[in-house]
Amino acid sequence: MLSRDAERKAVVWQGSSPDGRLHATGVKPAAVYLAARLVEADGTAGPYATRLIEAPPRFHWEWLLLLLPLLAM
């Protein structure tokens, strides 16, 4: 589960994974909380483990276009 707050009230994505991999599509880059828990084969679910994940800063490649006139010299 990905949410905007640690209490999991503003959920932006929720899913399950049989192999432990996370495939969250359509989530905008921002700081989110990842909450995960183990569910046993009999359906018994453990407690959530919650961690803050900060999105890496976006690389503004458009600024590199300013260097194009230097290549013409």
C-alpha atoms as a PDB file:
ATOM      1  CA  MET A   1       0.000   0.000   0.000  1.00  0.00           C
ATOM      2  CA  LEU A   2       1.261   3.473  -0.867  1.00  0.00           C
ATOM      3  CA  SER A   3      -0.223   6.451   0.957  1.00  0.00           C
ATOM      4  CA  ARG A   4       0.454  10.130   1.522  1.00  0.00           C
ATOM      5  CA  ASP A   5       0.348   9.751   5.324  1.00  0.00           C
ATOM      6  CA  ALA A   6       1.775   7.272   7.821  1.00  0.00           C
ATOM      7  CA  GLU A   7      -1.688   6.335   9.133  1.00  0.00           C
ATOM      8  CA  ARG A   8      -2.694   4.997   5.671  1.00  0.00           C
ATOM      9  CA  LYS A   9      -5.721   7.305   5.349  1.00  0.00           C
ATOM     10  CA  ALA A  10      -4.780   8.880   1.970  1.00  0.00           C
ATOM     11  CA  VAL A  11      -4.084   5.730  -0.061  1.00  0.00           C
ATOM     12  CA  VAL A  12      -2.763   6.346  -3.595  1.00  0.00           C
ATOM     13  CA  TRP A  13      -2.125   2.696  -4.544  1.00  0.00           C
ATOM     14  CA  GLN A  14      -2.978  -0.672  -3.055  1.00  0.00           C
ATOM     15  CA  GLY A  15      -2.186  -4.143  -4.281  1.00  0.00           C
ATOM     16  CA  SER A  16      -0.801  -7.537  -3.447  1.00  0.00           C
ATOM     17  CA  SER A  17       2.224  -9.444  -4.663  1.00  0.00           C
ATOM     18  CA  PRO A  18       2.879 -13.178  -4.540  1.00  0.00           C
ATOM     19  CA  ASP A  19       6.633 -12.676  -5.060  1.00  0.00           C
ATOM     20  CA  GLY A  20       7.251  -9.524  -2.983  1.00  0.00           C
ATOM     21  CA  ARG A  21       7.769  -7.177  -5.938  1.00  0.00           C
ATOM     22  CA  LEU A  22       6.001  -3.837  -6.141  1.00  0.00           C
ATOM     23  CA  HIS A  23       4.526  -2.752  -9.474  1.00  0.00           C
ATOM     24  CA  ALA A  24       2.729   0.540  -8.817  1.00  0.00           C
ATOM     25  CA  THR A  25       1.829   2.298 -12.046  1.00  0.00           C
ATOM     26  CA  GLY A  26       0.220   5.702 -12.310  1.00  0.00           C
ATOM     27  CA  VAL A  27       1.677   7.018  -9.057  1.00  0.00           C
ATOM     28  CA  LYS A  28       3.068  10.542  -9.341  1.00  0.00           C
ATOM     29  CA  PRO A  29       6.617  11.070  -8.040  1.00  0.00           C
ATOM     30  CA  ALA A  30       6.346  12.375  -4.496  1.00  0.00           C
ATOM     31  CA  ALA A  31       7.202  11.335  -0.976  1.00  0.00           C
ATOM     32  CA  VAL A  32       4.928   8.427  -0.050  1.00  0.00           C
ATOM     33  CA  TYR A  33       4.639   5.929   2.752  1.00  0.00           C
ATOM     34  CA  LEU A  34       5.029   2.266   1.865  1.00  0.00           C
ATOM     35  CA  ALA A  35       3.038  -0.006   4.156  1.00  0.00           C
ATOM     36  CA  ALA A  36       3.559  -3.747   3.744  1.00  0.00           C
ATOM     37  CA  ARG A  37       2.498  -6.790   5.703  1.00  0.00           C
ATOM     38  CA  LEU A  38       2.892 -10.513   5.367  1.00  0.00           C
ATOM     39  CA  VAL A  39      -0.208 -12.622   4.771  1.00  0.00           C
ATOM     40  CA  GLU A  40       0.159 -16.319   5.528  1.00  0.00           C
ATOM     41  CA  ALA A  41      -1.264 -19.065   3.303  1.00  0.00           C
ATOM     42  CA  ASP A  42      -4.184 -19.528   5.712  1.00  0.00           C
ATOM     43  CA  GLY A  43      -5.122 -15.818   5.376  1.00  0.00           C
ATOM     44  CA  THR A  44      -3.663 -14.659   8.683  1.00  0.00           C
ATOM     45  CA  ALA A  45      -2.250 -11.145   8.218  1.00  0.00           C
ATOM     46  CA  GLY A  46       0.542  -9.661  10.284  1.00  0.00           C
ATOM     47  CA  PRO A  47       0.973  -6.022  11.309  1.00  0.00           C
ATOM     48  CA  TYR A  48       1.903  -3.326   8.804  1.00  0.00           C
ATOM     49  CA  ALA A  49       5.508  -2.175   8.534  1.00  0.00           C
ATOM     50  CA  THR A  50       5.481   1.445   7.310  1.00  0.00           C
ATOM     51  CA  ARG A  51       8.421   3.366   5.834  1.00  0.00           C
ATOM     52  CA  LEU A  52       8.733   6.770   4.181  1.00  0.00           C
ATOM     53  CA  ILE A  53      10.006   6.657   0.604  1.00  0.00           C
ATOM     54  CA  GLU A  54      11.211   9.956  -0.809  1.00  0.00           C
ATOM     55  CA  ALA A  55      11.074  10.423  -4.574  1.00  0.00           C
ATOM     56  CA  PRO A  56      14.364  11.308  -6.247  1.00  0.00           C
ATOM     57  CA  PRO A  57      14.558  14.840  -7.622  1.00  0.00           C
ATOM     58  CA  ARG A  58      13.511  15.197 -11.244  1.00  0.00           C
ATOM     59  CA  PHE A  59      16.332  15.805 -13.708  1.00  0.00           C
ATOM     60  CA  HIS A  60      15.539  18.858 -15.843  1.00  0.00           C
ATOM     61  CA  TRP A  61      17.142  17.825 -19.130  1.00  0.00           C
ATOM     62  CA  GLU A  62      15.602  20.852 -20.858  1.00  0.00           C
ATOM     63  CA  TRP A  63      18.377  23.000 -19.404  1.00  0.00           C
ATOM     64  CA  LEU A  64      20.886  21.105 -21.527  1.00  0.00           C
ATOM     65  CA  LEU A  65      19.325  22.704 -24.619  1.00  0.00           C
ATOM     66  CA  LEU A  66      20.957  25.962 -23.556  1.00  0.00           C
ATOM     67  CA  LEU A  67      24.313  24.365 -24.358  1.00  0.00           C
ATOM     68  CA  LEU A  68      23.426  23.728 -28.019  1.00  0.00           C
ATOM     69  CA  PRO A  69      24.849  27.072 -29.244  1.00  0.00           C
ATOM     70  CA  LEU A  70      28.227  26.028 -27.805  1.00  0.00           C
ATOM     71  CA  LEU A  71      28.241  22.988 -30.086  1.00  0.00           C
ATOM     72  CA  ALA A  72      27.807  25.225 -33.144  1.00  0.00           C
ATOM     73  CA  MET A  73      31.076  27.037 -32.410  1.00  0.00           C
END
